[in-house]
Amino acid sequence: MKAGEIVDVGTTAELVKQIEGKVWNCTIPASKLPECEMRLHIINQRGEDHNQVSIRYLSEHSEIDGSVTTEPRLEDLYLWLFPQTDLEKEDR
């Protein structure tokens, strides 16, 4: 549901299929993280060895060289359908 309306119905697999090819993983230098946070829809980040950070982000296409698509999850679909800006509007 979004704004009181049903967005879609189906099994988890059917629903998640909507964002296949839109969930990306890559590893970046930790120093680049603030810049990436400003321009990407990062949904997960994890510190790695050698001052690197692994990020998972949502986008129609690759935004960072070396990014690879990854299997979408239900949480990814939720974040795709309800971006943070939508949630902030609902809090007002």
PDB file of N, CA and C in Angstrom:
ATOM      1  N   MET A   1       0.840  -1.187   0.000  1.00  0.00           N
ATOM      2  CA  MET A   1       0.000   0.000   0.000  1.00  0.00           C
ATOM      3  C   MET A   1       0.883   1.246   0.000  1.00  0.00           C
ATOM      4  N   LYS A   2       0.396   2.248  -0.687  1.00  0.00           N
ATOM      5  CA  LYS A   2       1.080   3.540  -0.729  1.00  0.00           C
ATOM      6  C   LYS A   2      -0.006   4.605  -0.813  1.00  0.00           C
ATOM      7  N   ALA A   3      -0.007   5.521   0.125  1.00  0.00           N
ATOM      8  CA  ALA A   3      -1.025   6.576   0.180  1.00  0.00           C
ATOM      9  C   ALA A   3      -2.434   5.979   0.195  1.00  0.00           C
ATOM     10  N   GLY A   4      -2.602   4.867   0.920  1.00  0.00           N
ATOM     11  CA  GLY A   4      -3.897   4.230   1.046  1.00  0.00           C
ATOM     12  C   GLY A   4      -4.331   3.396  -0.144  1.00  0.00           C
ATOM     13  N   GLU A   5      -3.479   3.278  -1.144  1.00  0.00           N
ATOM     14  CA  GLU A   5      -3.790   2.510  -2.345  1.00  0.00           C
ATOM     15  C   GLU A   5      -2.926   1.253  -2.392  1.00  0.00           C
ATOM     16  N   ILE A   6      -3.485   0.157  -2.900  1.00  0.00           N
ATOM     17  CA  ILE A   6      -2.700  -1.060  -3.086  1.00  0.00           C
ATOM     18  C   ILE A   6      -1.792  -0.844  -4.287  1.00  0.00           C
ATOM     19  N   VAL A   7      -0.489  -0.995  -4.086  1.00  0.00           N
ATOM     20  CA  VAL A   7       0.493  -0.768  -5.142  1.00  0.00           C
ATOM     21  C   VAL A   7       0.541  -1.956  -6.084  1.00  0.00           C
ATOM     22  N   ASP A   8       0.572  -3.160  -5.532  1.00  0.00           N
ATOM     23  CA  ASP A   8       0.680  -4.366  -6.348  1.00  0.00           C
ATOM     24  C   ASP A   8       0.354  -5.571  -5.484  1.00  0.00           C
ATOM     25  N   VAL A   9       0.016  -6.671  -6.110  1.00  0.00           N
ATOM     26  CA  VAL A   9      -0.232  -7.924  -5.401  1.00  0.00           C
ATOM     27  C   VAL A   9       0.507  -9.038  -6.118  1.00  0.00           C
ATOM     28  N   GLY A  10       0.862 -10.064  -5.367  1.00  0.00           N
ATOM     29  CA  GLY A  10       1.542 -11.215  -5.944  1.00  0.00           C
ATOM     30  C   GLY A  10       2.397 -11.895  -4.902  1.00  0.00           C
ATOM     31  N   THR A  11       3.043 -12.969  -5.321  1.00  0.00           N
ATOM     32  CA  THR A  11       3.969 -13.656  -4.425  1.00  0.00           C
ATOM     33  C   THR A  11       5.222 -12.804  -4.278  1.00  0.00           C
ATOM     34  N   THR A  12       6.022 -13.115  -3.291  1.00  0.00           N
ATOM     35  CA  THR A  12       7.273 -12.385  -3.099  1.00  0.00           C
ATOM     36  C   THR A  12       8.123 -12.445  -4.358  1.00  0.00           C
ATOM     37  N   ALA A  13       8.252 -13.628  -4.945  1.00  0.00           N
ATOM     38  CA  ALA A  13       9.068 -13.781  -6.157  1.00  0.00           C
ATOM     39  C   ALA A  13       8.532 -12.930  -7.301  1.00  0.00           C
ATOM     40  N   GLU A  14       7.217 -12.890  -7.461  1.00  0.00           N
ATOM     41  CA  GLU A  14       6.623 -12.085  -8.532  1.00  0.00           C
ATOM     42  C   GLU A  14       6.851 -10.599  -8.302  1.00  0.00           C
ATOM     43  N   LEU A  15       6.679 -10.167  -7.075  1.00  0.00           N
ATOM     44  CA  LEU A  15       6.840  -8.748  -6.762  1.00  0.00           C
ATOM     45  C   LEU A  15       8.288  -8.299  -6.921  1.00  0.00           C
ATOM     46  N   VAL A  16       9.207  -9.101  -6.420  1.00  0.00           N
ATOM     47  CA  VAL A  16      10.627  -8.746  -6.462  1.00  0.00           C
ATOM     48  C   VAL A  16      11.142  -8.705  -7.899  1.00  0.00           C
ATOM     49  N   LYS A  17      10.520  -9.471  -8.774  1.00  0.00           N
ATOM     50  CA  LYS A  17      10.932  -9.502 -10.183  1.00  0.00           C
ATOM     51  C   LYS A  17      10.879  -8.108 -10.818  1.00  0.00           C
ATOM     52  N   GLN A  18      10.037  -7.234 -10.279  1.00  0.00           N
ATOM     53  CA  GLN A  18       9.901  -5.869 -10.799  1.00  0.00           C
ATOM     54  C   GLN A  18      11.210  -5.082 -10.772  1.00  0.00           C
ATOM     55  N   ILE A  19      12.091  -5.416  -9.842  1.00  0.00           N
ATOM     56  CA  ILE A  19      13.324  -4.632  -9.718  1.00  0.00           C
ATOM     57  C   ILE A  19      14.569  -5.427 -10.097  1.00  0.00           C
ATOM     58  N   GLU A  20      14.383  -6.525 -10.821  1.00  0.00           N
ATOM     59  CA  GLU A  20      15.554  -7.254 -11.319  1.00  0.00           C
ATOM     60  C   GLU A  20      16.371  -6.318 -12.204  1.00  0.00           C
ATOM     61  N   GLY A  21      17.680  -6.327 -12.016  1.00  0.00           N
ATOM     62  CA  GLY A  21      18.563  -5.465 -12.789  1.00  0.00           C
ATOM     63  C   GLY A  21      18.667  -4.049 -12.261  1.00  0.00           C
ATOM     64  N   LYS A  22      18.058  -3.780 -11.106  1.00  0.00           N
ATOM     65  CA  LYS A  22      18.080  -2.433 -10.526  1.00  0.00           C
ATOM     66  C   LYS A  22      18.751  -2.396  -9.156  1.00  0.00           C
ATOM     67  N   VAL A  23      19.269  -3.541  -8.711  1.00  0.00           N
ATOM     68  CA  VAL A  23      19.971  -3.623  -7.433  1.00  0.00           C
ATOM     69  C   VAL A  23      21.431  -3.914  -7.747  1.00  0.00           C
ATOM     70  N   TRP A  24      22.323  -3.073  -7.251  1.00  0.00           N
ATOM     71  CA  TRP A  24      23.742  -3.119  -7.610  1.00  0.00           C
ATOM     72  C   TRP A  24      24.623  -3.256  -6.384  1.00  0.00           C
ATOM     73  N   ASN A  25      25.747  -3.953  -6.548  1.00  0.00           N
ATOM     74  CA  ASN A  25      26.786  -4.073  -5.520  1.00  0.00           C
ATOM     75  C   ASN A  25      28.101  -3.594  -6.096  1.00  0.00           C
ATOM     76  N   CYS A  26      28.904  -2.950  -5.278  1.00  0.00           N
ATOM     77  CA  CYS A  26      30.274  -2.611  -5.667  1.00  0.00           C
ATOM     78  C   CYS A  26      31.078  -2.286  -4.416  1.00  0.00           C
ATOM     79  N   THR A  27      32.380  -2.252  -4.579  1.00  0.00           N
ATOM     80  CA  THR A  27      33.283  -1.886  -3.491  1.00  0.00           C
ATOM     81  C   THR A  27      33.980  -0.598  -3.887  1.00  0.00           C
ATOM     82  N   ILE A  28      33.994   0.350  -2.956  1.00  0.00           N
ATOM     83  CA  ILE A  28      34.592   1.657  -3.206  1.00  0.00           C
ATOM     84  C   ILE A  28      35.550   2.001  -2.069  1.00  0.00           C
ATOM     85  N   PRO A  29      36.476   2.942  -2.295  1.00  0.00           N
ATOM     86  CA  PRO A  29      37.295   3.425  -1.189  1.00  0.00           C
ATOM     87  C   PRO A  29      36.397   4.124  -0.163  1.00  0.00           C
ATOM     88  N   ALA A  30      36.677   3.936   1.100  1.00  0.00           N
ATOM     89  CA  ALA A  30      35.869   4.554   2.156  1.00  0.00           C
ATOM     90  C   ALA A  30      35.801   6.070   1.989  1.00  0.00           C
ATOM     91  N   SER A  31      36.842   6.667   1.449  1.00  0.00           N
ATOM     92  CA  SER A  31      36.866   8.122   1.263  1.00  0.00           C
ATOM     93  C   SER A  31      35.821   8.601   0.251  1.00  0.00           C
ATOM     94  N   LYS A  32      35.343   7.714  -0.620  1.00  0.00           N
ATOM     95  CA  LYS A  32      34.335   8.068  -1.631  1.00  0.00           C
ATOM     96  C   LYS A  32      32.903   7.895  -1.122  1.00  0.00           C
ATOM     97  N   LEU A  33      32.739   7.300   0.055  1.00  0.00           N
ATOM     98  CA  LEU A  33      31.397   7.016   0.556  1.00  0.00           C
ATOM     99  C   LEU A  33      30.530   8.269   0.710  1.00  0.00           C
ATOM    100  N   PRO A  34      31.021   9.354   1.321  1.00  0.00           N
ATOM    101  CA  PRO A  34      30.155  10.536   1.453  1.00  0.00           C
ATOM    102  C   PRO A  34      29.634  11.052   0.108  1.00  0.00           C
ATOM    103  N   GLU A  35      30.484  11.068  -0.897  1.00  0.00           N
ATOM    104  CA  GLU A  35      30.070  11.506  -2.239  1.00  0.00           C
ATOM    105  C   GLU A  35      28.984  10.579  -2.790  1.00  0.00           C
ATOM    106  N   CYS A  36      29.175   9.283  -2.632  1.00  0.00           N
ATOM    107  CA  CYS A  36      28.203   8.306  -3.129  1.00  0.00           C
ATOM    108  C   CYS A  36      26.885   8.415  -2.375  1.00  0.00           C
ATOM    109  N   GLU A  37      26.946   8.688  -1.083  1.00  0.00           N
ATOM    110  CA  GLU A  37      25.720   8.830  -0.295  1.00  0.00           C
ATOM    111  C   GLU A  37      24.887  10.014  -0.774  1.00  0.00           C
ATOM    112  N   MET A  38      25.546  11.031  -1.293  1.00  0.00           N
ATOM    113  CA  MET A  38      24.839  12.221  -1.768  1.00  0.00           C
ATOM    114  C   MET A  38      24.116  11.973  -3.100  1.00  0.00           C
ATOM    115  N   ARG A  39      24.654  11.084  -3.938  1.00  0.00           N
ATOM    116  CA  ARG A  39      24.088  10.949  -5.280  1.00  0.00           C
ATOM    117  C   ARG A  39      23.430   9.605  -5.573  1.00  0.00           C
ATOM    118  N   LEU A  40      23.586   8.626  -4.685  1.00  0.00           N
ATOM    119  CA  LEU A  40      23.025   7.296  -4.929  1.00  0.00           C
ATOM    120  C   LEU A  40      21.979   6.940  -3.882  1.00  0.00           C
ATOM    121  N   HIS A  41      21.138   6.005  -4.220  1.00  0.00           N
ATOM    122  CA  HIS A  41      20.159   5.457  -3.278  1.00  0.00           C
ATOM    123  C   HIS A  41      20.788   4.212  -2.645  1.00  0.00           C
ATOM    124  N   ILE A  42      21.715   4.435  -1.705  1.00  0.00           N
ATOM    125  CA  ILE A  42      22.417   3.334  -1.034  1.00  0.00           C
ATOM    126  C   ILE A  42      21.474   2.701  -0.021  1.00  0.00           C
ATOM    127  N   ILE A  43      21.358   1.384  -0.093  1.00  0.00           N
ATOM    128  CA  ILE A  43      20.450   0.678   0.805  1.00  0.00           C
ATOM    129  C   ILE A  43      21.185  -0.183   1.823  1.00  0.00           C
ATOM    130  N   ASN A  44      22.489  -0.362   1.615  1.00  0.00           N
ATOM    131  CA  ASN A  44      23.290  -1.126   2.567  1.00  0.00           C
ATOM    132  C   ASN A  44      24.754  -0.800   2.334  1.00  0.00           C
ATOM    133  N   GLN A  45      25.516  -0.801   3.412  1.00  0.00           N
ATOM    134  CA  GLN A  45      26.959  -0.612   3.301  1.00  0.00           C
ATOM    135  C   GLN A  45      27.657  -1.451   4.364  1.00  0.00           C
ATOM    136  N   ARG A  46      28.847  -1.914   4.024  1.00  0.00           N
ATOM    137  CA  ARG A  46      29.601  -2.778   4.937  1.00  0.00           C
ATOM    138  C   ARG A  46      31.083  -2.469   4.769  1.00  0.00           C
ATOM    139  N   GLY A  47      31.749  -2.242   5.878  1.00  0.00           N
ATOM    140  CA  GLY A  47      33.187  -2.009   5.842  1.00  0.00           C
ATOM    141  C   GLY A  47      33.927  -3.275   5.444  1.00  0.00           C
ATOM    142  N   GLU A  48      34.946  -3.108   4.616  1.00  0.00           N
ATOM    143  CA  GLU A  48      35.772  -4.220   4.147  1.00  0.00           C
ATOM    144  C   GLU A  48      37.221  -3.961   4.557  1.00  0.00           C
ATOM    145  N   ASP A  49      38.106  -4.864   4.200  1.00  0.00           N
ATOM    146  CA  ASP A  49      39.531  -4.693   4.472  1.00  0.00           C
ATOM    147  C   ASP A  49      40.108  -3.565   3.628  1.00  0.00           C
ATOM    148  N   HIS A  50      41.251  -3.064   4.050  1.00  0.00           N
ATOM    149  CA  HIS A  50      42.032  -2.084   3.291  1.00  0.00           C
ATOM    150  C   HIS A  50      41.267  -0.794   3.009  1.00  0.00           C
ATOM    151  N   ASN A  51      40.506  -0.317   4.013  1.00  0.00           N
ATOM    152  CA  ASN A  51      39.810   0.968   3.910  1.00  0.00           C
ATOM    153  C   ASN A  51      38.836   1.016   2.725  1.00  0.00           C
ATOM    154  N   GLN A  52      38.157  -0.089   2.482  1.00  0.00           N
ATOM    155  CA  GLN A  52      37.165  -0.199   1.414  1.00  0.00           C
ATOM    156  C   GLN A  52      35.775  -0.375   2.033  1.00  0.00           C
ATOM    157  N   VAL A  53      34.752  -0.013   1.278  1.00  0.00           N
ATOM    158  CA  VAL A  53      33.371  -0.173   1.713  1.00  0.00           C
ATOM    159  C   VAL A  53      32.593  -0.854   0.587  1.00  0.00           C
ATOM    160  N   SER A  54      31.852  -1.880   0.946  1.00  0.00           N
ATOM    161  CA  SER A  54      30.966  -2.544  -0.007  1.00  0.00           C
ATOM    162  C   SER A  54      29.601  -1.875   0.109  1.00  0.00           C
ATOM    163  N   ILE A  55      29.063  -1.424  -1.026  1.00  0.00           N
ATOM    164  CA  ILE A  55      27.747  -0.787  -0.994  1.00  0.00           C
ATOM    165  C   ILE A  55      26.774  -1.533  -1.903  1.00  0.00           C
ATOM    166  N   ARG A  56      25.520  -1.467  -1.517  1.00  0.00           N
ATOM    167  CA  ARG A  56      24.407  -2.014  -2.298  1.00  0.00           C
ATOM    168  C   ARG A  56      23.504  -0.818  -2.564  1.00  0.00           C
ATOM    169  N   TYR A  57      23.184  -0.587  -3.828  1.00  0.00           N
ATOM    170  CA  TYR A  57      22.365   0.581  -4.147  1.00  0.00           C
ATOM    171  C   TYR A  57      21.322   0.254  -5.213  1.00  0.00           C
ATOM    172  N   LEU A  58      20.317   1.109  -5.290  1.00  0.00           N
ATOM    173  CA  LEU A  58      19.235   0.956  -6.255  1.00  0.00           C
ATOM    174  C   LEU A  58      19.396   1.982  -7.367  1.00  0.00           C
ATOM    175  N   SER A  59      19.287   1.529  -8.605  1.00  0.00           N
ATOM    176  CA  SER A  59      19.380   2.426  -9.747  1.00  0.00           C
ATOM    177  C   SER A  59      18.907   1.702 -11.004  1.00  0.00           C
ATOM    178  N   GLU A  60      18.409   2.468 -11.948  1.00  0.00           N
ATOM    179  CA  GLU A  60      18.008   1.905 -13.241  1.00  0.00           C
ATOM    180  C   GLU A  60      19.206   1.328 -13.983  1.00  0.00           C
ATOM    181  N   HIS A  61      20.391   1.908 -13.741  1.00  0.00           N
ATOM    182  CA  HIS A  61      21.614   1.464 -14.426  1.00  0.00           C
ATOM    183  C   HIS A  61      22.806   1.631 -13.494  1.00  0.00           C
ATOM    184  N   SER A  62      23.915   1.031 -13.864  1.00  0.00           N
ATOM    185  CA  SER A  62      25.130   1.106 -13.052  1.00  0.00           C
ATOM    186  C   SER A  62      25.589   2.551 -12.927  1.00  0.00           C
ATOM    187  N   GLU A  63      25.890   2.968 -11.718  1.00  0.00           N
ATOM    188  CA  GLU A  63      26.342   4.336 -11.460  1.00  0.00           C
ATOM    189  C   GLU A  63      27.839   4.396 -11.164  1.00  0.00           C
ATOM    190  N   ILE A  64      28.450   3.244 -10.889  1.00  0.00           N
ATOM    191  CA  ILE A  64      29.862   3.182 -10.516  1.00  0.00           C
ATOM    192  C   ILE A  64      30.515   2.074 -11.329  1.00  0.00           C
ATOM    193  N   ASP A  65      31.655   2.373 -11.932  1.00  0.00           N
ATOM    194  CA  ASP A  65      32.396   1.351 -12.674  1.00  0.00           C
ATOM    195  C   ASP A  65      32.668   0.157 -11.764  1.00  0.00           C
ATOM    196  N   GLY A  66      32.467  -1.025 -12.282  1.00  0.00           N
ATOM    197  CA  GLY A  66      32.708  -2.239 -11.513  1.00  0.00           C
ATOM    198  C   GLY A  66      31.491  -2.731 -10.747  1.00  0.00           C
ATOM    199  N   SER A  67      30.380  -2.001 -10.806  1.00  0.00           N
ATOM    200  CA  SER A  67      29.156  -2.450 -10.140  1.00  0.00           C
ATOM    201  C   SER A  67      28.595  -3.671 -10.859  1.00  0.00           C
ATOM    202  N   VAL A  68      28.036  -4.579 -10.086  1.00  0.00           N
ATOM    203  CA  VAL A  68      27.387  -5.760 -10.653  1.00  0.00           C
ATOM    204  C   VAL A  68      25.965  -5.849 -10.103  1.00  0.00           C
ATOM    205  N   THR A  69      25.055  -6.305 -10.958  1.00  0.00           N
ATOM    206  CA  THR A  69      23.685  -6.482 -10.476  1.00  0.00           C
ATOM    207  C   THR A  69      23.661  -7.656  -9.513  1.00  0.00           C
ATOM    208  N   THR A  70      22.730  -7.613  -8.603  1.00  0.00           N
ATOM    209  CA  THR A  70      22.597  -8.667  -7.613  1.00  0.00           C
ATOM    210  C   THR A  70      21.128  -9.030  -7.461  1.00  0.00           C
ATOM    211  N   GLU A  71      20.887 -10.184  -6.902  1.00  0.00           N
ATOM    212  CA  GLU A  71      19.529 -10.694  -6.703  1.00  0.00           C
ATOM    213  C   GLU A  71      18.741  -9.749  -5.788  1.00  0.00           C
ATOM    214  N   PRO A  72      17.609  -9.235  -6.253  1.00  0.00           N
ATOM    215  CA  PRO A  72      16.810  -8.356  -5.394  1.00  0.00           C
ATOM    216  C   PRO A  72      16.102  -9.144  -4.296  1.00  0.00           C
ATOM    217  N   ARG A  73      15.861  -8.456  -3.192  1.00  0.00           N
ATOM    218  CA  ARG A  73      15.138  -9.026  -2.054  1.00  0.00           C
ATOM    219  C   ARG A  73      13.886  -8.186  -1.812  1.00  0.00           C
ATOM    220  N   LEU A  74      13.002  -8.692  -0.995  1.00  0.00           N
ATOM    221  CA  LEU A  74      11.762  -7.986  -0.697  1.00  0.00           C
ATOM    222  C   LEU A  74      12.049  -6.611  -0.093  1.00  0.00           C
ATOM    223  N   GLU A  75      13.065  -6.521   0.754  1.00  0.00           N
ATOM    224  CA  GLU A  75      13.421  -5.237   1.363  1.00  0.00           C
ATOM    225  C   GLU A  75      13.828  -4.226   0.296  1.00  0.00           C
ATOM    226  N   ASP A  76      14.513  -4.707  -0.747  1.00  0.00           N
ATOM    227  CA  ASP A  76      14.926  -3.830  -1.843  1.00  0.00           C
ATOM    228  C   ASP A  76      13.704  -3.260  -2.562  1.00  0.00           C
ATOM    229  N   LEU A  77      12.718  -4.113  -2.794  1.00  0.00           N
ATOM    230  CA  LEU A  77      11.488  -3.668  -3.453  1.00  0.00           C
ATOM    231  C   LEU A  77      10.812  -2.585  -2.622  1.00  0.00           C
ATOM    232  N   TYR A  78      10.734  -2.802  -1.326  1.00  0.00           N
ATOM    233  CA  TYR A  78      10.124  -1.809  -0.437  1.00  0.00           C
ATOM    234  C   TYR A  78      10.847  -0.472  -0.566  1.00  0.00           C
ATOM    235  N   LEU A  79      12.171  -0.495  -0.528  1.00  0.00           N
ATOM    236  CA  LEU A  79      12.943   0.743  -0.618  1.00  0.00           C
ATOM    237  C   LEU A  79      12.845   1.379  -2.002  1.00  0.00           C
ATOM    238  N   TRP A  80      12.634   0.575  -3.038  1.00  0.00           N
ATOM    239  CA  TRP A  80      12.433   1.099  -4.390  1.00  0.00           C
ATOM    240  C   TRP A  80      11.076   1.810  -4.483  1.00  0.00           C
ATOM    241  N   LEU A  81      10.042   1.160  -3.932  1.00  0.00           N
ATOM    242  CA  LEU A  81       8.692   1.718  -4.012  1.00  0.00           C
ATOM    243  C   LEU A  81       8.467   2.885  -3.063  1.00  0.00           C
ATOM    244  N   PHE A  82       9.184   2.875  -1.935  1.00  0.00           N
ATOM    245  CA  PHE A  82       9.008   3.909  -0.917  1.00  0.00           C
ATOM    246  C   PHE A  82      10.342   4.580  -0.608  1.00  0.00           C
ATOM    247  N   PRO A  83      10.844   5.399  -1.530  1.00  0.00           N
ATOM    248  CA  PRO A  83      12.129   6.064  -1.264  1.00  0.00           C
ATOM    249  C   PRO A  83      12.039   6.946  -0.023  1.00  0.00           C
ATOM    250  N   GLN A  84      13.164   7.226   0.573  1.00  0.00           N
ATOM    251  CA  GLN A  84      13.226   7.999   1.809  1.00  0.00           C
ATOM    252  C   GLN A  84      12.468   9.318   1.684  1.00  0.00           C
ATOM    253  N   THR A  85      12.513   9.969   0.538  1.00  0.00           N
ATOM    254  CA  THR A  85      11.818  11.245   0.377  1.00  0.00           C
ATOM    255  C   THR A  85      10.316  11.072   0.558  1.00  0.00           C
ATOM    256  N   ASP A  86       9.748   9.950   0.096  1.00  0.00           N
ATOM    257  CA  ASP A  86       8.326   9.686   0.305  1.00  0.00           C
ATOM    258  C   ASP A  86       8.022   9.503   1.786  1.00  0.00           C
ATOM    259  N   LEU A  87       8.889   8.793   2.492  1.00  0.00           N
ATOM    260  CA  LEU A  87       8.680   8.552   3.915  1.00  0.00           C
ATOM    261  C   LEU A  87       8.771   9.849   4.699  1.00  0.00           C
ATOM    262  N   GLU A  88       9.684  10.732   4.320  1.00  0.00           N
ATOM    263  CA  GLU A  88       9.827  12.010   5.007  1.00  0.00           C
ATOM    264  C   GLU A  88       8.569  12.852   4.833  1.00  0.00           C
ATOM    265  N   LYS A  89       7.945  12.813   3.657  1.00  0.00           N
ATOM    266  CA  LYS A  89       6.715  13.564   3.405  1.00  0.00           C
ATOM    267  C   LYS A  89       5.589  13.065   4.295  1.00  0.00           C
ATOM    268  N   GLU A  90       5.515  11.741   4.508  1.00  0.00           N
ATOM    269  CA  GLU A  90       4.455  11.165   5.327  1.00  0.00           C
ATOM    270  C   GLU A  90       4.593  11.561   6.787  1.00  0.00           C
ATOM    271  N   ASP A  91       5.809  11.849   7.247  1.00  0.00           N
ATOM    272  CA  ASP A  91       6.034  12.226   8.637  1.00  0.00           C
ATOM    273  C   ASP A  91       5.542  13.635   8.942  1.00  0.00           C
ATOM    274  N   ARG A  92       5.300  14.430   7.936  1.00  0.00           N
ATOM    275  CA  ARG A  92       4.889  15.829   8.157  1.00  0.00           C
ATOM    276  C   ARG A  92       3.434  15.948   8.467  1.00  0.00           C
TER     277      ARG A  92
END
